[in-house]
N, C-alpha and C. Protein backbone atom coordinates (compact mmCIF):
# COMPACT_ATOMS: atom_id res chain seq x y z
N MET A 1 36.50 -26.64 -32.92
CA MET A 1 37.13 -27.86 -33.36
C MET A 1 36.52 -28.38 -34.66
N PRO A 2 35.21 -28.27 -34.85
CA PRO A 2 34.67 -28.74 -36.12
C PRO A 2 35.35 -28.07 -37.32
N LEU A 3 35.68 -26.80 -37.19
CA LEU A 3 36.33 -26.09 -38.29
C LEU A 3 37.69 -26.71 -38.60
N LEU A 4 38.45 -27.02 -37.57
CA LEU A 4 39.76 -27.63 -37.76
C LEU A 4 39.62 -29.00 -38.42
N ASN A 5 38.68 -29.79 -37.94
CA ASN A 5 38.45 -31.11 -38.54
C ASN A 5 38.01 -31.00 -39.99
N GLU A 6 37.07 -30.11 -40.27
CA GLU A 6 36.57 -29.96 -41.64
C GLU A 6 37.64 -29.42 -42.58
N ARG A 7 38.35 -28.42 -42.14
CA ARG A 7 39.35 -27.76 -43.00
C ARG A 7 40.50 -28.68 -43.35
N HIS A 8 40.87 -29.58 -42.43
CA HIS A 8 42.05 -30.41 -42.65
C HIS A 8 41.74 -31.91 -42.72
N GLY A 9 40.46 -32.26 -42.77
CA GLY A 9 40.09 -33.67 -42.87
C GLY A 9 40.50 -34.50 -41.67
N LEU A 10 40.42 -33.91 -40.49
CA LEU A 10 40.81 -34.59 -39.26
C LEU A 10 39.60 -35.13 -38.52
N THR A 11 39.85 -35.95 -37.52
CA THR A 11 38.79 -36.44 -36.64
C THR A 11 39.28 -36.39 -35.19
N ILE A 12 39.77 -35.21 -34.79
CA ILE A 12 40.28 -35.08 -33.42
C ILE A 12 39.20 -34.52 -32.51
N ASP A 13 39.30 -34.88 -31.24
CA ASP A 13 38.36 -34.35 -30.25
C ASP A 13 39.09 -33.36 -29.36
N GLU A 14 38.41 -32.85 -28.36
CA GLU A 14 39.00 -31.83 -27.48
C GLU A 14 40.24 -32.35 -26.75
N GLY A 15 40.19 -33.60 -26.31
CA GLY A 15 41.35 -34.18 -25.63
C GLY A 15 42.56 -34.27 -26.55
N ASP A 16 42.32 -34.69 -27.79
CA ASP A 16 43.41 -34.75 -28.77
C ASP A 16 44.01 -33.36 -29.00
N LEU A 17 43.13 -32.37 -29.18
CA LEU A 17 43.59 -31.01 -29.44
C LEU A 17 44.41 -30.48 -28.26
N HIS A 18 43.97 -30.79 -27.05
CA HIS A 18 44.70 -30.36 -25.86
C HIS A 18 46.09 -30.99 -25.82
N ASP A 19 46.17 -32.30 -26.08
CA ASP A 19 47.47 -32.98 -26.09
C ASP A 19 48.37 -32.44 -27.19
N ILE A 20 47.83 -32.27 -28.39
CA ILE A 20 48.62 -31.76 -29.52
C ILE A 20 49.12 -30.35 -29.21
N THR A 21 48.27 -29.53 -28.63
CA THR A 21 48.65 -28.16 -28.30
C THR A 21 49.78 -28.15 -27.29
N ARG A 22 49.67 -28.96 -26.24
CA ARG A 22 50.75 -29.00 -25.24
C ARG A 22 52.05 -29.49 -25.86
N ASP A 23 51.96 -30.46 -26.78
CA ASP A 23 53.17 -30.94 -27.45
C ASP A 23 53.79 -29.83 -28.31
N LYS A 24 52.97 -29.15 -29.11
CA LYS A 24 53.48 -28.09 -29.99
C LYS A 24 54.08 -26.93 -29.19
N LEU A 25 53.51 -26.63 -28.02
CA LEU A 25 54.00 -25.55 -27.19
C LEU A 25 55.09 -26.01 -26.21
N LYS A 26 55.48 -27.28 -26.35
CA LYS A 26 56.54 -27.89 -25.53
C LYS A 26 56.23 -27.82 -24.03
N LEU A 27 54.98 -28.10 -23.69
CA LEU A 27 54.56 -28.13 -22.29
C LEU A 27 54.60 -29.56 -21.78
N TYR A 28 55.81 -30.10 -21.75
CA TYR A 28 56.01 -31.46 -21.29
C TYR A 28 57.44 -31.61 -20.78
N ASP A 29 57.64 -32.65 -20.00
CA ASP A 29 58.98 -33.04 -19.57
C ASP A 29 59.26 -34.39 -20.22
N GLU A 30 60.47 -34.56 -20.70
CA GLU A 30 60.83 -35.83 -21.32
C GLU A 30 61.34 -36.79 -20.24
N VAL A 31 60.81 -38.00 -20.28
CA VAL A 31 61.21 -39.05 -19.35
C VAL A 31 61.81 -40.17 -20.20
N ILE A 32 63.02 -40.58 -19.86
CA ILE A 32 63.68 -41.67 -20.58
C ILE A 32 63.29 -42.99 -19.91
N LEU A 33 62.63 -43.83 -20.66
CA LEU A 33 62.22 -45.14 -20.14
C LEU A 33 63.41 -46.09 -20.14
N PRO A 34 63.34 -47.19 -19.35
CA PRO A 34 64.45 -48.16 -19.33
C PRO A 34 64.82 -48.68 -20.72
N SER A 35 63.87 -48.70 -21.63
CA SER A 35 64.13 -49.17 -22.99
C SER A 35 64.90 -48.15 -23.82
N GLY A 36 65.05 -46.93 -23.28
CA GLY A 36 65.69 -45.86 -24.02
C GLY A 36 64.70 -44.98 -24.75
N GLU A 37 63.45 -45.42 -24.80
CA GLU A 37 62.41 -44.65 -25.47
C GLU A 37 62.10 -43.39 -24.65
N VAL A 38 61.81 -42.31 -25.37
CA VAL A 38 61.49 -41.05 -24.71
C VAL A 38 59.97 -40.91 -24.61
N HIS A 39 59.52 -40.64 -23.40
CA HIS A 39 58.09 -40.44 -23.13
C HIS A 39 57.88 -38.98 -22.77
N LYS A 40 56.82 -38.39 -23.34
CA LYS A 40 56.48 -37.01 -23.01
C LYS A 40 55.47 -37.01 -21.87
N LYS A 41 55.88 -36.49 -20.73
CA LYS A 41 54.98 -36.33 -19.59
C LYS A 41 54.43 -34.91 -19.67
N ARG A 42 53.21 -34.80 -20.17
CA ARG A 42 52.61 -33.49 -20.41
C ARG A 42 52.28 -32.78 -19.11
N ARG A 43 52.55 -31.48 -19.09
CA ARG A 43 52.26 -30.65 -17.92
C ARG A 43 50.78 -30.30 -17.89
N SER A 44 50.27 -30.14 -16.71
CA SER A 44 48.88 -29.75 -16.53
C SER A 44 48.69 -28.28 -16.90
N THR A 45 47.55 -27.98 -17.49
CA THR A 45 47.20 -26.60 -17.81
C THR A 45 45.99 -26.15 -17.01
N SER A 46 45.70 -26.88 -15.95
CA SER A 46 44.54 -26.54 -15.12
C SER A 46 44.81 -25.25 -14.34
N ASN A 47 43.76 -24.65 -13.85
CA ASN A 47 43.89 -23.43 -13.05
C ASN A 47 44.70 -23.67 -11.78
N ARG A 48 44.65 -24.89 -11.25
CA ARG A 48 45.42 -25.21 -10.04
C ARG A 48 46.91 -25.31 -10.34
N ALA A 49 47.26 -25.71 -11.59
CA ALA A 49 48.66 -25.94 -11.93
C ALA A 49 49.37 -24.69 -12.45
N MET A 50 48.61 -23.71 -12.90
CA MET A 50 49.20 -22.49 -13.48
C MET A 50 48.68 -21.28 -12.74
N ASN A 51 49.59 -20.30 -12.56
CA ASN A 51 49.10 -19.04 -12.01
C ASN A 51 48.43 -18.24 -13.13
N GLU A 52 47.88 -17.11 -12.79
CA GLU A 52 47.11 -16.33 -13.76
C GLU A 52 47.95 -15.89 -14.96
N ALA A 53 49.18 -15.48 -14.71
CA ALA A 53 50.06 -15.03 -15.80
C ALA A 53 50.42 -16.20 -16.73
N GLU A 54 50.73 -17.36 -16.14
CA GLU A 54 51.06 -18.54 -16.95
C GLU A 54 49.86 -18.98 -17.78
N ARG A 55 48.69 -18.93 -17.16
CA ARG A 55 47.46 -19.33 -17.86
C ARG A 55 47.16 -18.39 -19.02
N ALA A 56 47.35 -17.08 -18.81
CA ALA A 56 47.13 -16.10 -19.88
C ALA A 56 48.12 -16.33 -21.02
N GLU A 57 49.38 -16.62 -20.70
CA GLU A 57 50.38 -16.87 -21.73
C GLU A 57 50.02 -18.14 -22.52
N PHE A 58 49.62 -19.21 -21.81
CA PHE A 58 49.23 -20.44 -22.48
C PHE A 58 48.05 -20.19 -23.43
N THR A 59 47.06 -19.46 -22.96
CA THR A 59 45.88 -19.18 -23.77
C THR A 59 46.26 -18.40 -25.02
N THR A 60 47.09 -17.39 -24.87
CA THR A 60 47.51 -16.58 -26.02
C THR A 60 48.29 -17.42 -27.02
N ARG A 61 49.22 -18.23 -26.53
CA ARG A 61 50.01 -19.08 -27.43
C ARG A 61 49.14 -20.13 -28.12
N ALA A 62 48.20 -20.72 -27.39
CA ALA A 62 47.31 -21.72 -27.98
C ALA A 62 46.42 -21.09 -29.05
N LEU A 63 45.85 -19.93 -28.76
CA LEU A 63 45.00 -19.27 -29.75
C LEU A 63 45.79 -18.89 -31.00
N THR A 64 47.02 -18.46 -30.82
CA THR A 64 47.87 -18.12 -31.97
C THR A 64 48.13 -19.36 -32.82
N LEU A 65 48.43 -20.47 -32.17
CA LEU A 65 48.65 -21.73 -32.89
C LEU A 65 47.40 -22.14 -33.64
N TRP A 66 46.26 -22.15 -32.97
CA TRP A 66 45.01 -22.57 -33.61
C TRP A 66 44.63 -21.63 -34.75
N SER A 67 44.96 -20.36 -34.60
CA SER A 67 44.68 -19.39 -35.65
C SER A 67 45.43 -19.74 -36.93
N THR A 68 46.69 -20.15 -36.79
CA THR A 68 47.46 -20.52 -37.98
C THR A 68 46.89 -21.76 -38.65
N TRP A 69 46.30 -22.66 -37.87
CA TRP A 69 45.73 -23.88 -38.43
C TRP A 69 44.38 -23.65 -39.09
N THR A 70 43.59 -22.73 -38.55
CA THR A 70 42.22 -22.54 -39.04
C THR A 70 42.07 -21.36 -39.97
N GLY A 71 43.01 -20.41 -39.91
CA GLY A 71 42.88 -19.20 -40.69
C GLY A 71 41.94 -18.18 -40.07
N VAL A 72 41.47 -18.46 -38.85
CA VAL A 72 40.58 -17.54 -38.13
C VAL A 72 41.45 -16.63 -37.26
N PRO A 73 41.25 -15.30 -37.33
CA PRO A 73 42.07 -14.39 -36.53
C PRO A 73 41.97 -14.69 -35.02
N VAL A 74 43.07 -14.45 -34.32
CA VAL A 74 43.14 -14.70 -32.88
C VAL A 74 42.03 -13.96 -32.15
N ASP A 75 41.78 -12.70 -32.52
CA ASP A 75 40.74 -11.92 -31.83
C ASP A 75 39.38 -12.58 -31.95
N THR A 76 39.09 -13.18 -33.10
CA THR A 76 37.81 -13.87 -33.30
C THR A 76 37.74 -15.12 -32.43
N LEU A 77 38.83 -15.88 -32.38
CA LEU A 77 38.86 -17.08 -31.54
C LEU A 77 38.68 -16.71 -30.07
N ARG A 78 39.36 -15.64 -29.65
CA ARG A 78 39.27 -15.20 -28.25
C ARG A 78 37.84 -14.77 -27.93
N LYS A 79 37.20 -14.03 -28.84
CA LYS A 79 35.83 -13.57 -28.62
C LYS A 79 34.88 -14.75 -28.54
N GLU A 80 35.03 -15.71 -29.44
CA GLU A 80 34.16 -16.89 -29.42
C GLU A 80 34.34 -17.67 -28.14
N ALA A 81 35.56 -17.76 -27.63
CA ALA A 81 35.83 -18.51 -26.40
C ALA A 81 35.16 -17.82 -25.20
N THR A 82 35.15 -16.50 -25.18
CA THR A 82 34.57 -15.79 -24.04
C THR A 82 33.05 -15.68 -24.15
N ASP A 83 32.50 -15.81 -25.36
CA ASP A 83 31.05 -15.72 -25.55
C ASP A 83 30.33 -17.01 -25.16
N GLU A 84 31.06 -18.12 -25.09
CA GLU A 84 30.42 -19.41 -24.80
C GLU A 84 30.13 -19.54 -23.39
């Protein structure tokens, strides 16, 4: 995350990145409020909410998205995630 913040002049934390990622990957249901405003009810990405295949797909899509933002290859991001 520090790389993303430094490269693009952002100040987002892990929670922000998680929410932004779910929005970009369209992992939400739209709820129409009585006012007519649309609210995004984000889906859970926890191990309890996703099976192994869904979790692997989410991880691959998220890493691909982050790779485009940071310029770091997906394989490098994946390796860094598993080394921690």
